[in-house]
Protein backbone atom coordinates (compact mmCIF):
# COMPACT_ATOMS: atom_id res chain seq x y z
CA UNK A 1 0.28 0.09 -0.09
CA UNK A 2 1.03 3.27 -1.04
CA UNK A 3 0.27 6.92 -0.29
CA UNK A 4 -0.92 8.17 -3.07
CA UNK A 5 -4.58 9.59 -1.85
CA UNK A 6 -3.09 13.10 -2.40
CA UNK A 7 -3.48 13.16 -5.92
CA UNK A 8 -7.19 13.28 -5.89
CA UNK A 9 -6.68 16.72 -3.59
CA UNK A 10 -8.32 19.47 -5.66
CA UNK A 11 -5.96 22.26 -6.49
CA UNK A 12 -8.47 24.87 -4.88
CA UNK A 13 -8.97 22.70 -1.37
CA UNK A 14 -9.99 25.06 1.03
CA UNK A 15 -8.70 23.23 3.78
CA UNK A 16 -5.56 21.35 5.12
CA UNK A 17 -7.48 18.83 6.03
CA UNK A 18 -9.06 16.67 3.22
CA UNK A 19 -11.47 13.68 3.29
CA UNK A 20 -11.32 12.38 -0.06
CA UNK A 21 -15.00 12.44 -1.93
CA UNK A 22 -16.48 10.32 -4.06
CA UNK A 23 -19.29 7.49 -5.36
CA UNK A 24 -19.26 4.04 -5.52
CA UNK A 25 -20.37 3.34 -8.84
CA UNK A 26 -23.94 3.33 -10.69
CA UNK A 27 -25.87 6.36 -10.38
CA UNK A 28 -29.48 6.59 -11.86
CA UNK A 29 -30.15 6.68 -15.61
CA UNK A 30 -31.74 9.52 -17.27
CA UNK A 31 -35.45 8.37 -18.11
CA UNK A 32 -34.54 8.92 -21.36
CA UNK A 33 -31.91 6.89 -21.28
CA UNK A 34 -33.92 4.12 -20.54
CA UNK A 35 -36.35 4.97 -23.16
CA UNK A 36 -33.78 4.87 -25.94
CA UNK A 37 -32.36 1.22 -24.64
CA UNK A 38 -35.62 -0.29 -24.61
CA UNK A 39 -36.41 1.22 -28.18
CA UNK A 40 -33.04 0.06 -28.99
CA UNK A 41 -34.24 -3.70 -28.17
CA UNK A 42 -37.49 -3.78 -29.07
CA UNK A 43 -38.59 -4.24 -32.99
CA UNK A 44 -41.55 -1.22 -33.15
CA UNK A 45 -38.85 1.38 -34.18
CA UNK A 46 -35.64 1.57 -35.95
CA UNK A 47 -33.24 2.93 -33.52
CA UNK A 48 -29.59 1.76 -34.52
CA UNK A 49 -26.85 1.10 -32.32
CA UNK A 50 -25.21 4.31 -33.51
CA UNK A 51 -27.77 6.24 -32.28
CA UNK A 52 -27.56 4.73 -28.40
CA UNK A 53 -24.04 5.41 -29.00
CA UNK A 54 -24.70 9.08 -28.70
CA UNK A 55 -27.45 8.84 -26.24
CA UNK A 56 -24.98 7.02 -23.65
CA UNK A 57 -22.53 9.47 -24.33
CA UNK A 58 -24.74 12.63 -23.66
CA UNK A 59 -25.51 10.57 -20.41
CA UNK A 60 -22.37 10.40 -18.88
CA UNK A 61 -21.71 13.91 -20.09
CA UNK A 62 -24.33 14.77 -18.11
CA UNK A 63 -23.93 12.21 -15.19
CA UNK A 64 -20.65 13.44 -14.83
CA UNK A 65 -21.16 17.24 -14.87
CA UNK A 66 -23.75 16.32 -11.96
CA UNK A 67 -20.95 14.01 -9.45
CA UNK A 68 -19.36 17.54 -10.14
CA UNK A 69 -21.65 19.35 -9.46
CA UNK A 70 -22.25 18.05 -5.95
CA UNK A 71 -18.80 18.63 -5.75
CA UNK A 72 -16.84 15.30 -5.33
CA UNK A 73 -13.40 15.07 -5.69
CA UNK A 74 -12.64 11.74 -7.63
CA UNK A 75 -16.49 10.87 -10.12
CA UNK A 76 -17.57 8.10 -11.91
CA UNK A 77 -20.12 8.35 -15.40
CA UNK A 78 -22.86 6.01 -12.98
CA UNK A 79 -21.93 3.68 -15.43
CA UNK A 80 -24.50 5.02 -17.77
CA UNK A 81 -23.37 2.38 -20.74
CA UNK A 82 -23.91 -0.89 -18.13
CA UNK A 83 -26.96 -2.92 -17.45
CA UNK A 84 -25.80 -5.38 -14.79
CA UNK A 85 -22.20 -5.57 -13.01
CA UNK A 86 -21.86 -9.18 -13.90
CA UNK A 87 -23.75 -9.04 -17.25
CA UNK A 88 -21.79 -6.10 -18.52
CA UNK A 89 -18.51 -7.31 -18.35
CA UNK A 90 -19.57 -11.48 -19.52
CA UNK A 91 -20.78 -10.21 -22.67
CA UNK A 92 -17.13 -9.13 -22.99
CA UNK A 93 -15.28 -12.02 -21.83
CA UNK A 94 -14.60 -15.10 -24.29
CA UNK A 95 -15.93 -18.35 -22.67
CA UNK A 96 -19.20 -16.76 -21.33
CA UNK A 97 -22.48 -17.39 -22.71
CA UNK A 98 -25.67 -16.86 -22.12
CA UNK A 99 -29.31 -18.77 -22.03
CA UNK A 100 -31.43 -16.52 -20.37
CA UNK A 101 -32.72 -14.88 -17.38
CA UNK A 102 -32.53 -16.72 -13.55
CA UNK A 103 -34.73 -15.38 -10.74
CA UNK A 104 -33.12 -14.41 -7.76
CA UNK A 105 -35.79 -12.58 -5.61
CA UNK A 106 -39.21 -11.11 -5.32
CA UNK A 107 -40.26 -10.61 -9.07
CA UNK A 108 -36.52 -9.64 -10.02
CA UNK A 109 -34.15 -11.17 -12.60
CA UNK A 110 -31.07 -11.66 -13.61
CA UNK A 111 -29.51 -12.84 -16.98
CA UNK A 112 -27.00 -15.73 -15.30
CA UNK A 113 -24.03 -16.28 -17.67
CA UNK A 114 -22.42 -19.63 -18.03
CA UNK A 115 -18.91 -20.13 -18.27
CA UNK A 116 -18.39 -23.07 -21.12
CA UNK A 117 -15.13 -22.74 -22.29
CA UNK A 118 -12.00 -21.01 -20.58
CA UNK A 119 -12.09 -17.51 -20.64
CA UNK A 120 -9.87 -15.19 -22.58
CA UNK A 121 -9.46 -11.66 -22.55
CA UNK A 122 -10.47 -10.17 -26.66
CA UNK A 123 -10.87 -6.31 -26.72
CA UNK A 124 -10.48 -3.71 -23.75
CA UNK A 125 -13.67 -3.38 -21.83
CA UNK A 126 -13.72 -0.01 -19.99
CA UNK A 127 -11.10 2.05 -22.12
CA UNK A 128 -12.99 3.86 -24.22
CA UNK A 129 -15.39 4.84 -21.20
CA UNK A 130 -12.78 5.76 -19.18
CA UNK A 131 -11.16 8.08 -22.16
CA UNK A 132 -14.77 9.87 -22.87
CA UNK A 133 -15.46 10.34 -19.45
CA UNK A 134 -11.69 11.98 -18.82
CA UNK A 135 -12.91 13.52 -21.61
CA UNK A 136 -15.38 15.87 -20.55
CA UNK A 137 -14.37 15.92 -16.66
CA UNK A 138 -12.45 18.61 -14.50
CA UNK A 139 -12.05 16.17 -12.06
CA UNK A 140 -10.58 12.92 -11.11
CA UNK A 141 -12.31 9.91 -12.93
CA UNK A 142 -12.29 6.72 -10.73
CA UNK A 143 -12.72 3.36 -12.73
CA UNK A 144 -14.72 0.61 -11.19
CA UNK A 145 -14.64 -3.30 -12.02
CA UNK A 146 -16.39 -6.04 -10.99
CA UNK A 147 -13.82 -8.44 -9.53
CA UNK A 148 -12.62 -12.08 -10.45
CA UNK A 149 -14.49 -13.93 -7.54
CA UNK A 150 -17.69 -12.33 -8.20
CA UNK A 151 -17.42 -12.71 -11.98
CA UNK A 152 -17.12 -16.17 -10.53
CA UNK A 153 -19.04 -16.49 -8.06
CA UNK A 154 -22.57 -15.30 -10.08
CA UNK A 155 -22.12 -17.50 -12.93
CA UNK A 156 -22.67 -20.64 -13.49
CA UNK A 157 -19.30 -22.74 -13.93
CA UNK A 158 -19.23 -25.84 -16.69
CA UNK A 159 -15.74 -25.50 -17.98
CA UNK A 160 -13.21 -25.53 -14.80
CA UNK A 161 -12.95 -28.39 -12.38
CA UNK A 162 -14.33 -25.64 -9.15
CA UNK A 163 -14.71 -22.01 -8.99
CA UNK A 164 -10.93 -20.90 -7.49
CA UNK A 165 -9.49 -21.96 -10.74
CA UNK A 166 -12.03 -19.83 -12.42
CA UNK A 167 -11.44 -16.85 -10.27
CA UNK A 168 -7.79 -16.67 -11.24
CA UNK A 169 -7.84 -16.92 -14.87
CA UNK A 170 -10.21 -13.99 -14.67
CA UNK A 171 -8.07 -11.80 -12.42
CA UNK A 172 -5.81 -12.30 -14.67
CA UNK A 173 -7.79 -10.97 -17.33
CA UNK A 174 -8.79 -7.80 -14.61
CA UNK A 175 -5.00 -7.57 -14.63
CA UNK A 176 -5.07 -7.17 -18.60
CA UNK A 177 -7.66 -4.71 -18.16
CA UNK A 178 -6.26 -2.27 -15.09
CA UNK A 179 -2.87 -2.22 -17.17
CA UNK A 180 -4.85 -0.65 -20.52
CA UNK A 181 -6.56 1.35 -17.82
CA UNK A 182 -3.11 2.37 -16.83
CA UNK A 183 -2.04 3.30 -20.06
CA UNK A 184 -4.48 5.83 -21.06
CA UNK A 185 -4.08 7.45 -17.80
CA UNK A 186 -6.73 5.96 -14.90
CA UNK A 187 -5.09 6.40 -11.82
CA UNK A 188 -8.12 5.18 -9.09
CA UNK A 189 -9.35 1.51 -9.72
CA UNK A 190 -12.25 0.17 -7.27
CA UNK A 191 -12.51 -3.14 -7.99
CA UNK A 192 -16.05 -4.47 -6.86
CA UNK A 193 -16.07 -7.90 -4.81
CA UNK A 194 -20.22 -7.73 -3.63
CA UNK A 195 -19.66 -12.12 -2.91
CA UNK A 196 -17.00 -11.62 -0.75
CA UNK A 197 -18.75 -10.83 2.86
CA UNK A 198 -21.31 -13.66 1.82
CA UNK A 199 -18.90 -16.93 1.48
CA UNK A 200 -17.31 -17.66 4.94
CA UNK A 201 -13.71 -18.49 4.09
CA UNK A 202 -13.20 -17.36 0.40
CA UNK A 203 -11.12 -14.45 1.57
CA UNK A 204 -8.09 -16.40 0.63
CA UNK A 205 -9.30 -16.50 -2.65
CA UNK A 206 -10.23 -12.96 -2.82
CA UNK A 207 -6.71 -12.05 -1.42
CA UNK A 208 -4.64 -14.26 -4.09
CA UNK A 209 -6.92 -12.71 -6.92
CA UNK A 210 -6.03 -9.40 -6.02
CA UNK A 211 -1.92 -10.21 -6.38
CA UNK A 212 -2.83 -11.04 -10.07
CA UNK A 213 -5.08 -8.12 -10.58
CA UNK A 214 -1.77 -5.99 -9.50
CA UNK A 215 0.62 -7.47 -10.65
CA UNK A 216 2.89 -5.39 -12.60
CA UNK A 217 0.64 -1.93 -11.55
CA UNK A 218 2.75 1.08 -10.47
CA UNK A 219 2.28 2.61 -6.19
CA UNK A 220 0.65 5.60 -7.99
CA UNK A 221 -2.66 3.89 -8.96
CA UNK A 222 -4.57 3.54 -6.22
CA UNK A 223 -6.62 0.37 -5.79
CA UNK A 224 -9.54 -0.06 -3.94
CA UNK A 225 -12.05 -2.89 -2.72
CA UNK A 226 -15.69 -2.61 -2.41
CA UNK A 227 -17.59 -5.12 -0.86
CA UNK A 228 -21.32 -3.86 0.00
CA UNK A 229 -22.85 -5.71 2.11
CA UNK A 230 -22.37 -9.32 4.42
CA UNK A 231 -20.57 -10.39 7.16
CA UNK A 232 -17.01 -8.60 7.49
CA UNK A 233 -15.94 -10.07 10.83
CA UNK A 234 -15.27 -13.13 7.90
CA UNK A 235 -13.19 -11.13 5.94
CA UNK A 236 -11.45 -8.98 8.85
CA UNK A 237 -8.28 -9.36 9.88
CA UNK A 238 -7.83 -11.20 6.51
CA UNK A 239 -8.09 -8.28 4.75
CA UNK A 240 -5.08 -6.30 5.59
CA UNK A 241 -3.15 -8.71 4.29
CA UNK A 242 -4.96 -7.51 0.77
CA UNK A 243 -2.87 -4.87 -1.75
CA UNK A 244 -4.94 -2.66 -1.96
CA UNK A 245 -4.78 0.98 -1.45
CA UNK A 246 -8.65 1.41 0.08
CA UNK A 247 -11.27 -0.87 1.60
CA UNK A 248 -14.95 0.25 0.79
CA UNK A 249 -18.17 -0.67 3.40
CA UNK A 250 -21.53 -0.10 3.71
CA UNK A 251 -21.90 0.16 6.87
CA UNK A 252 -24.91 3.30 6.78
CA UNK A 253 -27.02 0.41 5.87
CA UNK A 254 -26.71 -1.10 8.98
CA UNK A 255 -26.68 2.13 11.22
CA UNK A 256 -22.58 0.95 11.75
CA UNK A 257 -23.38 -2.03 13.81
CA UNK A 258 -20.46 -3.95 11.90
CA UNK A 259 -17.96 -0.87 12.60
CA UNK A 260 -16.49 -2.33 15.62
CA UNK A 261 -15.58 -4.51 13.89
CA UNK A 262 -12.63 -3.05 12.48
CA UNK A 263 -12.06 -0.43 15.30
CA UNK A 264 -9.68 -2.22 16.90
CA UNK A 265 -6.43 -0.32 16.36
CA UNK A 266 -4.76 -2.78 13.80
CA UNK A 267 -6.63 -1.80 10.57
CA UNK A 268 -4.23 -1.69 7.64
CA UNK A 269 -5.56 0.25 4.03
CA UNK A 270 -7.53 3.60 4.19
CA UNK A 271 -11.41 3.29 4.91
CA UNK A 272 -13.71 4.35 2.79
CA UNK A 273 -17.28 5.00 4.62
CA UNK A 274 -20.15 4.41 3.57
CA UNK A 275 -22.35 8.26 5.44
CA UNK A 276 -25.49 7.85 3.20
CA UNK A 277 -27.97 5.04 2.93
CA UNK A 278 -27.90 4.25 -0.84
CA UNK A 279 -31.28 1.47 -0.10
CA UNK A 280 -33.34 4.57 1.14
CA UNK A 281 -35.29 7.19 -0.86
CA UNK A 282 -34.40 10.10 1.34
CA UNK A 283 -31.94 12.51 1.65
CA UNK A 284 -29.58 12.53 4.61
CA UNK A 285 -29.45 16.26 6.46
CA UNK A 286 -25.47 17.39 6.00
CA UNK A 287 -25.53 17.02 10.22
CA UNK A 288 -26.38 13.10 10.21
CA UNK A 289 -24.06 12.48 7.70
CA UNK A 290 -21.57 14.80 9.63
CA UNK A 291 -22.13 12.16 12.60
CA UNK A 292 -21.76 9.40 10.11
CA UNK A 293 -18.45 10.88 8.94
CA UNK A 294 -17.08 11.08 12.52
CA UNK A 295 -17.90 7.05 12.97
CA UNK A 296 -14.69 6.80 10.42
CA UNK A 297 -12.59 8.45 12.69
CA UNK A 298 -13.15 5.28 15.12
CA UNK A 299 -11.56 3.13 12.91
CA UNK A 300 -8.90 5.50 10.79
CA UNK A 301 -7.26 8.99 11.16
CA UNK A 302 -8.51 11.47 8.74
CA UNK A 303 -6.01 11.11 6.16
CA UNK A 304 -6.77 7.81 5.36
CA UNK A 305 -10.53 8.18 5.40
CA UNK A 306 -12.34 8.20 2.01
CA UNK A 307 -16.43 9.25 2.22
CA UNK A 308 -18.73 7.57 -0.23
CA UNK A 309 -22.77 6.26 -0.25
CA UNK A 310 -23.05 3.60 0.80
CA UNK A 311 -22.87 1.38 -2.40
CA UNK A 312 -24.29 2.54 -6.47
CA UNK A 313 -27.45 4.65 -6.41
CA UNK A 314 -28.71 3.70 -9.59
CA UNK A 315 -31.78 2.08 -8.12
CA UNK A 316 -32.69 5.98 -6.37
CA UNK A 317 -34.96 8.67 -8.18
CA UNK A 318 -32.03 10.93 -9.23
CA UNK A 319 -32.92 14.20 -7.26
CA UNK A 320 -33.03 11.69 -4.31
CA UNK A 321 -29.18 10.62 -5.53
CA UNK A 322 -28.30 14.19 -6.17
CA UNK A 323 -29.41 15.26 -3.21
CA UNK A 324 -27.62 12.99 -1.25
CA UNK A 325 -24.48 13.14 -2.69
CA UNK A 326 -24.66 17.21 -2.75
CA UNK A 327 -25.15 16.87 0.99
CA UNK A 328 -22.58 14.75 1.98
CA UNK A 329 -19.64 16.86 0.14
CA UNK A 330 -21.02 19.81 2.19
CA UNK A 331 -20.65 17.36 5.25
CA UNK A 332 -17.49 16.52 4.42
CA UNK A 333 -16.38 20.08 4.01
CA UNK A 334 -17.53 21.27 7.32
CA UNK A 335 -15.67 18.39 9.06
CA UNK A 336 -12.50 19.26 7.57
CA UNK A 337 -12.87 22.65 8.35
CA UNK A 338 -13.47 21.30 12.30
CA UNK A 339 -10.50 19.20 11.75
CA UNK A 340 -8.57 22.20 10.85
CA UNK A 341 -10.05 24.67 13.67
CA UNK A 342 -8.82 21.38 15.94
CA UNK A 343 -13.24 20.98 17.06
CA UNK A 344 -12.89 17.51 16.83
CA UNK A 345 -10.85 15.24 18.37
CA UNK A 346 -10.04 12.64 16.64
CA UNK A 347 -9.76 9.40 19.14
CA UNK A 348 -9.01 6.42 15.91
CA UNK A 349 -8.31 3.22 18.02
CA UNK A 350 -5.17 3.15 16.68
CA UNK A 351 -4.41 6.62 18.56
CA UNK A 352 -5.82 4.91 21.92
CA UNK A 353 -8.31 8.09 22.88
CA UNK A 354 -12.32 7.17 22.40
CA UNK A 355 -13.51 8.44 19.51
CA UNK A 356 -15.70 11.89 19.39
CA UNK A 357 -19.17 11.13 18.88
């Protein structure tokens, strides 16, 4: 782990303290983009691929700008070109096939892919997306990638002896993609592994996958790991051994009951803390978010805290998603000013003092 965080501090940042603000990835799509995708997929109208491509470009411009208006330090295009987090990548990896949707819960369906032969890397998955976003952004751009363990765990394995072998091959492909993103200028990569904290004892596989992914990647590239639900005690303290700069957790939705898992004074990576609830369609107040941010100081000092929503915001009304981001940034800026003024006593576990509530 290296100190590669300062590169995301805006040149005009008003305080000495700096809480890096970002989003996890997904964001509500404009209704007109949803309509354009439906029309393109249907038979009633002629809506060719180049028209849909233009619609995606326009949506990326709009959402990237929306993130910057909210004041985020590191922005994402809201994953405007993506559908489901496994399906999007499976369509781009040789060896995957699709056989129709699978019911996952309630009335929700997931087009679960099958691995029918050895996976292989063909064309870049995200480089064009990243280059377009950096071309329209004034802030640093973060790139979320679904991790190899989740890509393996959420697919039918019909080609490999076991899921572990598949995950390692997929990790090598993710490494190829990250190398190409780095060549294109990416300096903030987030690996999404929602399957990690739901399955006991597989932290060793994820750790090995991450070793594959970061092999040969320069130290100035920030590598985050996002794990958005589950029992974190299953993966901690083992994640201290992972080759990551930042561990991104969903704790707001659980009212921070699991913060104690990490507050032992030995937490190694930076903490990316969810401080707004992605599952609640209400905008938290600035004061409430400030209280949530201070929860992070029970685990790490301010210079190691990243502030974000719990998870992707794509299922929320767009005005609610924007309100959460805007209040989150305002809360972070106010906490920074209070830190500069000495108004917050930071007592994270490693400092041997109680945290300020």
